[in-house]
Amino acid sequence: MRTEDEIRDTIRLIVMELAPEPDRALSDEAKLQGDLAYHSLALMELAFTLEDEFDLLPVDEATGRGIQSIRDVQDHVLNELRAREVATSAASA
């Protein structure tokens, strides 16, 4: 199982790899649409890639609108993974 830091690093790499303008990000506070020039199609590709990488459920529109920065993406994925872990633990108890 990956550590939180490893997961955050993987997410950052994916975000930067798919970013239309990856050289512009300086930190995890970089904005997807402003700093990295993500547009709707690129955001969809990012969502699908993260869903595949971490076996996540699709992001609903309301949640997606709240994800603005690399850190927001990292926090969302980690929260989803934690929720799944709790659900799995509860189901096996």
PDB file of N, CA and C in Angstrom:
ATOM      1  N   MET A   1       0.844  -1.190   0.000  1.00  0.00           N
ATOM      2  CA  MET A   1       0.000   0.000   0.000  1.00  0.00           C
ATOM      3  C   MET A   1       0.885   1.248   0.000  1.00  0.00           C
ATOM      4  N   ARG A   2       0.479   2.235  -0.755  1.00  0.00           N
ATOM      5  CA  ARG A   2       1.250   3.470  -0.874  1.00  0.00           C
ATOM      6  C   ARG A   2       1.002   4.395   0.316  1.00  0.00           C
ATOM      7  N   THR A   3       2.030   5.158   0.667  1.00  0.00           N
ATOM      8  CA  THR A   3       1.882   6.143   1.737  1.00  0.00           C
ATOM      9  C   THR A   3       1.153   7.373   1.185  1.00  0.00           C
ATOM     10  N   GLU A   4       0.713   8.236   2.089  1.00  0.00           N
ATOM     11  CA  GLU A   4       0.047   9.466   1.662  1.00  0.00           C
ATOM     12  C   GLU A   4       0.974  10.313   0.799  1.00  0.00           C
ATOM     13  N   ASP A   5       2.242  10.417   1.189  1.00  0.00           N
ATOM     14  CA  ASP A   5       3.192  11.203   0.391  1.00  0.00           C
ATOM     15  C   ASP A   5       3.376  10.611  -1.000  1.00  0.00           C
ATOM     16  N   GLU A   6       3.422   9.297  -1.107  1.00  0.00           N
ATOM     17  CA  GLU A   6       3.560   8.649  -2.412  1.00  0.00           C
ATOM     18  C   GLU A   6       2.331   8.916  -3.278  1.00  0.00           C
ATOM     19  N   ILE A   7       1.159   8.871  -2.668  1.00  0.00           N
ATOM     20  CA  ILE A   7      -0.082   9.144  -3.401  1.00  0.00           C
ATOM     21  C   ILE A   7      -0.097  10.596  -3.880  1.00  0.00           C
ATOM     22  N   ARG A   8       0.267  11.522  -2.996  1.00  0.00           N
ATOM     23  CA  ARG A   8       0.310  12.941  -3.371  1.00  0.00           C
ATOM     24  C   ARG A   8       1.297  13.167  -4.524  1.00  0.00           C
ATOM     25  N   ASP A   9       2.469  12.515  -4.454  1.00  0.00           N
ATOM     26  CA  ASP A   9       3.464  12.651  -5.522  1.00  0.00           C
ATOM     27  C   ASP A   9       2.945  12.092  -6.844  1.00  0.00           C
ATOM     28  N   THR A  10       2.276  10.937  -6.783  1.00  0.00           N
ATOM     29  CA  THR A  10       1.720  10.331  -7.995  1.00  0.00           C
ATOM     30  C   THR A  10       0.679  11.248  -8.622  1.00  0.00           C
ATOM     31  N   ILE A  11      -0.175  11.812  -7.799  1.00  0.00           N
ATOM     32  CA  ILE A  11      -1.214  12.717  -8.304  1.00  0.00           C
ATOM     33  C   ILE A  11      -0.572  13.942  -8.943  1.00  0.00           C
ATOM     34  N   ARG A  12       0.423  14.514  -8.278  1.00  0.00           N
ATOM     35  CA  ARG A  12       1.097  15.699  -8.823  1.00  0.00           C
ATOM     36  C   ARG A  12       1.712  15.369 -10.186  1.00  0.00           C
ATOM     37  N   LEU A  13       2.349  14.207 -10.297  1.00  0.00           N
ATOM     38  CA  LEU A  13       2.948  13.804 -11.575  1.00  0.00           C
ATOM     39  C   LEU A  13       1.893  13.671 -12.666  1.00  0.00           C
ATOM     40  N   ILE A  14       0.756  13.061 -12.332  1.00  0.00           N
ATOM     41  CA  ILE A  14      -0.324  12.900 -13.316  1.00  0.00           C
ATOM     42  C   ILE A  14      -0.856  14.263 -13.738  1.00  0.00           C
ATOM     43  N   VAL A  15      -1.107  15.143 -12.764  1.00  0.00           N
ATOM     44  CA  VAL A  15      -1.625  16.479 -13.074  1.00  0.00           C
ATOM     45  C   VAL A  15      -0.661  17.219 -13.996  1.00  0.00           C
ATOM     46  N   MET A  16       0.626  17.147 -13.680  1.00  0.00           N
ATOM     47  CA  MET A  16       1.615  17.862 -14.486  1.00  0.00           C
ATOM     48  C   MET A  16       1.775  17.236 -15.876  1.00  0.00           C
ATOM     49  N   GLU A  17       1.704  15.910 -15.938  1.00  0.00           N
ATOM     50  CA  GLU A  17       1.842  15.218 -17.220  1.00  0.00           C
ATOM     51  C   GLU A  17       0.714  15.574 -18.185  1.00  0.00           C
ATOM     52  N   LEU A  18      -0.486  15.723 -17.657  1.00  0.00           N
ATOM     53  CA  LEU A  18      -1.651  16.000 -18.500  1.00  0.00           C
ATOM     54  C   LEU A  18      -1.923  17.493 -18.684  1.00  0.00           C
ATOM     55  N   ALA A  19      -1.235  18.342 -17.945  1.00  0.00           N
ATOM     56  CA  ALA A  19      -1.491  19.787 -17.992  1.00  0.00           C
ATOM     57  C   ALA A  19      -1.148  20.367 -19.366  1.00  0.00           C
ATOM     58  N   PRO A  20      -2.039  21.184 -19.910  1.00  0.00           N
ATOM     59  CA  PRO A  20      -1.739  21.844 -21.172  1.00  0.00           C
ATOM     60  C   PRO A  20      -0.490  22.740 -21.088  1.00  0.00           C
ATOM     61  N   GLU A  21      -0.239  23.347 -19.920  1.00  0.00           N
ATOM     62  CA  GLU A  21       0.947  24.189 -19.730  1.00  0.00           C
ATOM     63  C   GLU A  21       1.649  23.786 -18.430  1.00  0.00           C
ATOM     64  N   PRO A  22       2.319  22.639 -18.409  1.00  0.00           N
ATOM     65  CA  PRO A  22       2.883  22.093 -17.172  1.00  0.00           C
ATOM     66  C   PRO A  22       4.034  22.885 -16.575  1.00  0.00           C
ATOM     67  N   ASP A  23       4.733  23.670 -17.341  1.00  0.00           N
ATOM     68  CA  ASP A  23       5.894  24.392 -16.823  1.00  0.00           C
ATOM     69  C   ASP A  23       5.519  25.561 -15.929  1.00  0.00           C
ATOM     70  N   ARG A  24       4.262  25.872 -15.837  1.00  0.00           N
ATOM     71  CA  ARG A  24       3.838  27.065 -15.101  1.00  0.00           C
ATOM     72  C   ARG A  24       3.569  26.812 -13.625  1.00  0.00           C
ATOM     73  N   ALA A  25       3.487  25.558 -13.189  1.00  0.00           N
ATOM     74  CA  ALA A  25       3.147  25.263 -11.796  1.00  0.00           C
ATOM     75  C   ALA A  25       4.381  25.345 -10.916  1.00  0.00           C
ATOM     76  N   LEU A  26       4.213  25.994  -9.793  1.00  0.00           N
ATOM     77  CA  LEU A  26       5.314  26.120  -8.851  1.00  0.00           C
ATOM     78  C   LEU A  26       5.068  25.333  -7.580  1.00  0.00           C
ATOM     79  N   SER A  27       3.825  25.092  -7.253  1.00  0.00           N
ATOM     80  CA  SER A  27       3.510  24.416  -5.993  1.00  0.00           C
ATOM     81  C   SER A  27       2.198  23.653  -6.116  1.00  0.00           C
ATOM     82  N   ASP A  28       1.854  22.963  -5.036  1.00  0.00           N
ATOM     83  CA  ASP A  28       0.582  22.240  -5.021  1.00  0.00           C
ATOM     84  C   ASP A  28      -0.612  23.188  -4.935  1.00  0.00           C
ATOM     85  N   GLU A  29      -0.349  24.466  -4.723  1.00  0.00           N
ATOM     86  CA  GLU A  29      -1.415  25.470  -4.708  1.00  0.00           C
ATOM     87  C   GLU A  29      -1.730  25.979  -6.120  1.00  0.00           C
ATOM     88  N   ALA A  30      -0.978  25.516  -7.116  1.00  0.00           N
ATOM     89  CA  ALA A  30      -1.206  25.939  -8.500  1.00  0.00           C
ATOM     90  C   ALA A  30      -2.635  25.610  -8.915  1.00  0.00           C
ATOM     91  N   LYS A  31      -3.277  26.564  -9.543  1.00  0.00           N
ATOM     92  CA  LYS A  31      -4.658  26.397 -10.002  1.00  0.00           C
ATOM     93  C   LYS A  31      -4.681  25.630 -11.316  1.00  0.00           C
ATOM     94  N   LEU A  32      -5.584  24.662 -11.398  1.00  0.00           N
ATOM     95  CA  LEU A  32      -5.677  23.840 -12.601  1.00  0.00           C
ATOM     96  C   LEU A  32      -6.005  24.685 -13.827  1.00  0.00           C
ATOM     97  N   GLN A  33      -7.042  25.510 -13.725  1.00  0.00           N
ATOM     98  CA  GLN A  33      -7.474  26.267 -14.897  1.00  0.00           C
ATOM     99  C   GLN A  33      -6.626  27.504 -15.129  1.00  0.00           C
ATOM    100  N   GLY A  34      -6.183  28.173 -14.104  1.00  0.00           N
ATOM    101  CA  GLY A  34      -5.403  29.385 -14.295  1.00  0.00           C
ATOM    102  C   GLY A  34      -3.943  29.105 -14.562  1.00  0.00           C
ATOM    103  N   ASP A  35      -3.272  28.483 -13.625  1.00  0.00           N
ATOM    104  CA  ASP A  35      -1.826  28.282 -13.718  1.00  0.00           C
ATOM    105  C   ASP A  35      -1.425  27.212 -14.726  1.00  0.00           C
ATOM    106  N   LEU A  36      -2.210  26.152 -14.821  1.00  0.00           N
ATOM    107  CA  LEU A  36      -1.850  25.022 -15.683  1.00  0.00           C
ATOM    108  C   LEU A  36      -2.632  24.989 -16.994  1.00  0.00           C
ATOM    109  N   ALA A  37      -3.523  25.946 -17.182  1.00  0.00           N
ATOM    110  CA  ALA A  37      -4.301  26.104 -18.417  1.00  0.00           C
ATOM    111  C   ALA A  37      -5.186  24.900 -18.747  1.00  0.00           C
ATOM    112  N   TYR A  38      -5.666  24.206 -17.711  1.00  0.00           N
ATOM    113  CA  TYR A  38      -6.613  23.110 -17.968  1.00  0.00           C
ATOM    114  C   TYR A  38      -7.906  23.692 -18.530  1.00  0.00           C
ATOM    115  N   HIS A  39      -8.474  23.018 -19.513  1.00  0.00           N
ATOM    116  CA  HIS A  39      -9.779  23.362 -20.072  1.00  0.00           C
ATOM    117  C   HIS A  39     -10.680  22.157 -19.837  1.00  0.00           C
ATOM    118  N   SER A  40     -11.922  22.233 -20.213  1.00  0.00           N
ATOM    119  CA  SER A  40     -12.885  21.187 -19.861  1.00  0.00           C
ATOM    120  C   SER A  40     -12.471  19.796 -20.344  1.00  0.00           C
ATOM    121  N   LEU A  41     -11.974  19.683 -21.552  1.00  0.00           N
ATOM    122  CA  LEU A  41     -11.566  18.368 -22.059  1.00  0.00           C
ATOM    123  C   LEU A  41     -10.374  17.827 -21.269  1.00  0.00           C
ATOM    124  N   ALA A  42      -9.408  18.680 -20.970  1.00  0.00           N
ATOM    125  CA  ALA A  42      -8.237  18.252 -20.195  1.00  0.00           C
ATOM    126  C   ALA A  42      -8.637  17.863 -18.774  1.00  0.00           C
ATOM    127  N   LEU A  43      -9.604  18.573 -18.198  1.00  0.00           N
ATOM    128  CA  LEU A  43     -10.089  18.219 -16.854  1.00  0.00           C
ATOM    129  C   LEU A  43     -10.767  16.851 -16.863  1.00  0.00           C
ATOM    130  N   MET A  44     -11.516  16.571 -17.915  1.00  0.00           N
ATOM    131  CA  MET A  44     -12.154  15.256 -18.031  1.00  0.00           C
ATOM    132  C   MET A  44     -11.104  14.166 -18.153  1.00  0.00           C
ATOM    133  N   GLU A  45     -10.088  14.396 -18.957  1.00  0.00           N
ATOM    134  CA  GLU A  45      -9.015  13.420 -19.110  1.00  0.00           C
ATOM    135  C   GLU A  45      -8.307  13.188 -17.776  1.00  0.00           C
ATOM    136  N   LEU A  46      -8.074  14.259 -17.030  1.00  0.00           N
ATOM    137  CA  LEU A  46      -7.459  14.141 -15.713  1.00  0.00           C
ATOM    138  C   LEU A  46      -8.337  13.299 -14.790  1.00  0.00           C
ATOM    139  N   ALA A  47      -9.625  13.578 -14.764  1.00  0.00           N
ATOM    140  CA  ALA A  47     -10.541  12.825 -13.911  1.00  0.00           C
ATOM    141  C   ALA A  47     -10.525  11.338 -14.278  1.00  0.00           C
ATOM    142  N   PHE A  48     -10.600  11.021 -15.564  1.00  0.00           N
ATOM    143  CA  PHE A  48     -10.593   9.618 -15.994  1.00  0.00           C
ATOM    144  C   PHE A  48      -9.285   8.932 -15.626  1.00  0.00           C
ATOM    145  N   THR A  49      -8.176   9.635 -15.789  1.00  0.00           N
ATOM    146  CA  THR A  49      -6.869   9.052 -15.465  1.00  0.00           C
ATOM    147  C   THR A  49      -6.764   8.756 -13.979  1.00  0.00           C
ATOM    148  N   LEU A  50      -7.217   9.687 -13.140  1.00  0.00           N
ATOM    149  CA  LEU A  50      -7.181   9.469 -11.687  1.00  0.00           C
ATOM    150  C   LEU A  50      -8.133   8.349 -11.266  1.00  0.00           C
ATOM    151  N   GLU A  51      -9.292   8.285 -11.901  1.00  0.00           N
ATOM    152  CA  GLU A  51     -10.232   7.203 -11.608  1.00  0.00           C
ATOM    153  C   GLU A  51      -9.591   5.854 -11.911  1.00  0.00           C
ATOM    154  N   ASP A  52      -8.908   5.756 -13.036  1.00  0.00           N
ATOM    155  CA  ASP A  52      -8.238   4.503 -13.416  1.00  0.00           C
ATOM    156  C   ASP A  52      -7.082   4.185 -12.478  1.00  0.00           C
ATOM    157  N   GLU A  53      -6.248   5.169 -12.189  1.00  0.00           N
ATOM    158  CA  GLU A  53      -5.058   4.966 -11.366  1.00  0.00           C
ATOM    159  C   GLU A  53      -5.407   4.513  -9.946  1.00  0.00           C
ATOM    160  N   PHE A  54      -6.468   5.110  -9.379  1.00  0.00           N
ATOM    161  CA  PHE A  54      -6.795   4.849  -7.980  1.00  0.00           C
ATOM    162  C   PHE A  54      -8.109   4.094  -7.798  1.00  0.00           C
ATOM    163  N   ASP A  55      -8.695   3.612  -8.886  1.00  0.00           N
ATOM    164  CA  ASP A  55      -9.949   2.864  -8.842  1.00  0.00           C
ATOM    165  C   ASP A  55     -11.038   3.646  -8.099  1.00  0.00           C
ATOM    166  N   LEU A  56     -11.244   4.877  -8.535  1.00  0.00           N
ATOM    167  CA  LEU A  56     -12.214   5.769  -7.907  1.00  0.00           C
ATOM    168  C   LEU A  56     -13.529   5.774  -8.666  1.00  0.00           C
ATOM    169  N   LEU A  57     -14.586   6.157  -7.957  1.00  0.00           N
ATOM    170  CA  LEU A  57     -15.862   6.399  -8.609  1.00  0.00           C
ATOM    171  C   LEU A  57     -15.772   7.737  -9.340  1.00  0.00           C
ATOM    172  N   PRO A  58     -16.578   7.931 -10.374  1.00  0.00           N
ATOM    173  CA  PRO A  58     -16.564   9.221 -11.077  1.00  0.00           C
ATOM    174  C   PRO A  58     -16.899  10.377 -10.121  1.00  0.00           C
ATOM    175  N   VAL A  59     -16.294  11.521 -10.375  1.00  0.00           N
ATOM    176  CA  VAL A  59     -16.528  12.721  -9.565  1.00  0.00           C
ATOM    177  C   VAL A  59     -17.836  13.353 -10.015  1.00  0.00           C
ATOM    178  N   ASP A  60     -18.703  13.681  -9.045  1.00  0.00           N
ATOM    179  CA  ASP A  60     -19.943  14.356  -9.416  1.00  0.00           C
ATOM    180  C   ASP A  60     -19.636  15.822  -9.725  1.00  0.00           C
ATOM    181  N   GLU A  61     -20.532  16.446 -10.442  1.00  0.00           N
ATOM    182  CA  GLU A  61     -20.293  17.802 -10.934  1.00  0.00           C
ATOM    183  C   GLU A  61     -20.064  18.797  -9.800  1.00  0.00           C
ATOM    184  N   ALA A  62     -20.848  18.712  -8.735  1.00  0.00           N
ATOM    185  CA  ALA A  62     -20.701  19.655  -7.626  1.00  0.00           C
ATOM    186  C   ALA A  62     -19.323  19.524  -6.967  1.00  0.00           C
ATOM    187  N   THR A  63     -18.870  18.306  -6.764  1.00  0.00           N
ATOM    188  CA  THR A  63     -17.550  18.075  -6.178  1.00  0.00           C
ATOM    189  C   THR A  63     -16.472  18.581  -7.122  1.00  0.00           C
ATOM    190  N   GLY A  64     -16.612  18.279  -8.399  1.00  0.00           N
ATOM    191  CA  GLY A  64     -15.639  18.694  -9.395  1.00  0.00           C
ATOM    192  C   GLY A  64     -15.441  20.197  -9.444  1.00  0.00           C
ATOM    193  N   ARG A  65     -16.508  20.941  -9.260  1.00  0.00           N
ATOM    194  CA  ARG A  65     -16.403  22.403  -9.304  1.00  0.00           C
ATOM    195  C   ARG A  65     -15.595  22.950  -8.130  1.00  0.00           C
ATOM    196  N   GLY A  66     -15.550  22.211  -7.029  1.00  0.00           N
ATOM    197  CA  GLY A  66     -14.793  22.650  -5.855  1.00  0.00           C
ATOM    198  C   GLY A  66     -13.318  22.316  -5.933  1.00  0.00           C
ATOM    199  N   ILE A  67     -12.931  21.539  -6.917  1.00  0.00           N
ATOM    200  CA  ILE A  67     -11.529  21.138  -7.066  1.00  0.00           C
ATOM    201  C   ILE A  67     -10.850  22.150  -7.980  1.00  0.00           C
ATOM    202  N   GLN A  68     -10.040  23.008  -7.384  1.00  0.00           N
ATOM    203  CA  GLN A  68      -9.432  24.112  -8.121  1.00  0.00           C
ATOM    204  C   GLN A  68      -7.919  24.000  -8.276  1.00  0.00           C
ATOM    205  N   SER A  69      -7.248  23.381  -7.305  1.00  0.00           N
ATOM    206  CA  SER A  69      -5.783  23.348  -7.298  1.00  0.00           C
ATOM    207  C   SER A  69      -5.264  21.913  -7.275  1.00  0.00           C
ATOM    208  N   ILE A  70      -3.964  21.774  -7.452  1.00  0.00           N
ATOM    209  CA  ILE A  70      -3.357  20.442  -7.343  1.00  0.00           C
ATOM    210  C   ILE A  70      -3.639  19.874  -5.959  1.00  0.00           C
ATOM    211  N   ARG A  71      -3.517  20.699  -4.913  1.00  0.00           N
ATOM    212  CA  ARG A  71      -3.785  20.223  -3.547  1.00  0.00           C
ATOM    213  C   ARG A  71      -5.230  19.743  -3.410  1.00  0.00           C
ATOM    214  N   ASP A  72      -6.167  20.436  -4.031  1.00  0.00           N
ATOM    215  CA  ASP A  72      -7.574  20.006  -3.988  1.00  0.00           C
ATOM    216  C   ASP A  72      -7.722  18.616  -4.606  1.00  0.00           C
ATOM    217  N   VAL A  73      -7.037  18.376  -5.710  1.00  0.00           N
ATOM    218  CA  VAL A  73      -7.085  17.059  -6.360  1.00  0.00           C
ATOM    219  C   VAL A  73      -6.514  16.012  -5.411  1.00  0.00           C
ATOM    220  N   GLN A  74      -5.372  16.309  -4.828  1.00  0.00           N
ATOM    221  CA  GLN A  74      -4.735  15.372  -3.899  1.00  0.00           C
ATOM    222  C   GLN A  74      -5.664  15.062  -2.725  1.00  0.00           C
ATOM    223  N   ASP A  75      -6.227  16.106  -2.129  1.00  0.00           N
ATOM    224  CA  ASP A  75      -7.111  15.917  -0.969  1.00  0.00           C
ATOM    225  C   ASP A  75      -8.342  15.108  -1.344  1.00  0.00           C
ATOM    226  N   HIS A  76      -8.913  15.377  -2.511  1.00  0.00           N
ATOM    227  CA  HIS A  76     -10.094  14.629  -2.951  1.00  0.00           C
ATOM    228  C   HIS A  76      -9.775  13.136  -3.095  1.00  0.00           C
ATOM    229  N   VAL A  77      -8.694  12.828  -3.783  1.00  0.00           N
ATOM    230  CA  VAL A  77      -8.333  11.419  -3.985  1.00  0.00           C
ATOM    231  C   VAL A  77      -8.063  10.747  -2.647  1.00  0.00           C
ATOM    232  N   LEU A  78      -7.309  11.396  -1.781  1.00  0.00           N
ATOM    233  CA  LEU A  78      -7.014  10.803  -0.473  1.00  0.00           C
ATOM    234  C   LEU A  78      -8.284  10.595   0.350  1.00  0.00           C
ATOM    235  N   ASN A  79      -9.201  11.545   0.319  1.00  0.00           N
ATOM    236  CA  ASN A  79     -10.470  11.388   1.041  1.00  0.00           C
ATOM    237  C   ASN A  79     -11.277  10.216   0.493  1.00  0.00           C
ATOM    238  N   GLU A  80     -11.290  10.068  -0.820  1.00  0.00           N
ATOM    239  CA  GLU A  80     -12.003   8.938  -1.429  1.00  0.00           C
ATOM    240  C   GLU A  80     -11.359   7.607  -1.035  1.00  0.00           C
ATOM    241  N   LEU A  81     -10.044   7.559  -1.037  1.00  0.00           N
ATOM    242  CA  LEU A  81      -9.345   6.326  -0.658  1.00  0.00           C
ATOM    243  C   LEU A  81      -9.590   5.990   0.815  1.00  0.00           C
ATOM    244  N   ARG A  82      -9.585   6.999   1.676  1.00  0.00           N
ATOM    245  CA  ARG A  82      -9.859   6.775   3.104  1.00  0.00           C
ATOM    246  C   ARG A  82     -11.287   6.280   3.307  1.00  0.00           C
ATOM    247  N   ALA A  83     -12.231   6.882   2.609  1.00  0.00           N
ATOM    248  CA  ALA A  83     -13.636   6.472   2.734  1.00  0.00           C
ATOM    249  C   ALA A  83     -13.810   5.034   2.284  1.00  0.00           C
ATOM    250  N   ARG A  84     -13.142   4.660   1.213  1.00  0.00           N
ATOM    251  CA  ARG A  84     -13.226   3.276   0.728  1.00  0.00           C
ATOM    252  C   ARG A  84     -12.619   2.318   1.740  1.00  0.00           C
ATOM    253  N   GLU A  85     -11.498   2.718   2.353  1.00  0.00           N
ATOM    254  CA  GLU A  85     -10.846   1.882   3.351  1.00  0.00           C
ATOM    255  C   GLU A  85     -11.740   1.666   4.566  1.00  0.00           C
ATOM    256  N   VAL A  86     -12.421   2.734   5.008  1.00  0.00           N
ATOM    257  CA  VAL A  86     -13.352   2.640   6.138  1.00  0.00           C
ATOM    258  C   VAL A  86     -14.511   1.715   5.786  1.00  0.00           C
ATOM    259  N   ALA A  87     -15.047   1.877   4.576  1.00  0.00           N
ATOM    260  CA  ALA A  87     -16.172   1.044   4.144  1.00  0.00           C
ATOM    261  C   ALA A  87     -15.765  -0.416   4.056  1.00  0.00           C
ATOM    262  N   THR A  88     -14.569  -0.672   3.554  1.00  0.00           N
ATOM    263  CA  THR A  88     -14.077  -2.045   3.441  1.00  0.00           C
ATOM    264  C   THR A  88     -13.880  -2.656   4.827  1.00  0.00           C
ATOM    265  N   SER A  89     -13.337  -1.875   5.751  1.00  0.00           N
ATOM    266  CA  SER A  89     -13.114  -2.359   7.107  1.00  0.00           C
ATOM    267  C   SER A  89     -14.442  -2.672   7.800  1.00  0.00           C
ATOM    268  N   ALA A  90     -15.417  -1.788   7.593  1.00  0.00           N
ATOM    269  CA  ALA A  90     -16.735  -1.984   8.214  1.00  0.00           C
ATOM    270  C   ALA A  90     -17.424  -3.221   7.634  1.00  0.00           C
ATOM    271  N   ALA A  91     -17.273  -3.442   6.345  1.00  0.00           N
ATOM    272  CA  ALA A  91     -17.915  -4.588   5.700  1.00  0.00           C
ATOM    273  C   ALA A  91     -17.310  -5.907   6.144  1.00  0.00           C
ATOM    274  N   SER A  92     -16.024  -5.887   6.459  1.00  0.00           N
ATOM    275  CA  SER A  92     -15.370  -7.135   6.854  1.00  0.00           C
ATOM    276  C   SER A  92     -15.456  -7.398   8.349  1.00  0.00           C
ATOM    277  N   ALA A  93     -16.003  -6.435   9.110  1.00  0.00           N
ATOM    278  CA  ALA A  93     -16.101  -6.596  10.574  1.00  0.00           C
ATOM    279  C   ALA A  93     -17.302  -7.399  10.966  1.00  0.00           C
TER     280      ALA A  93
END
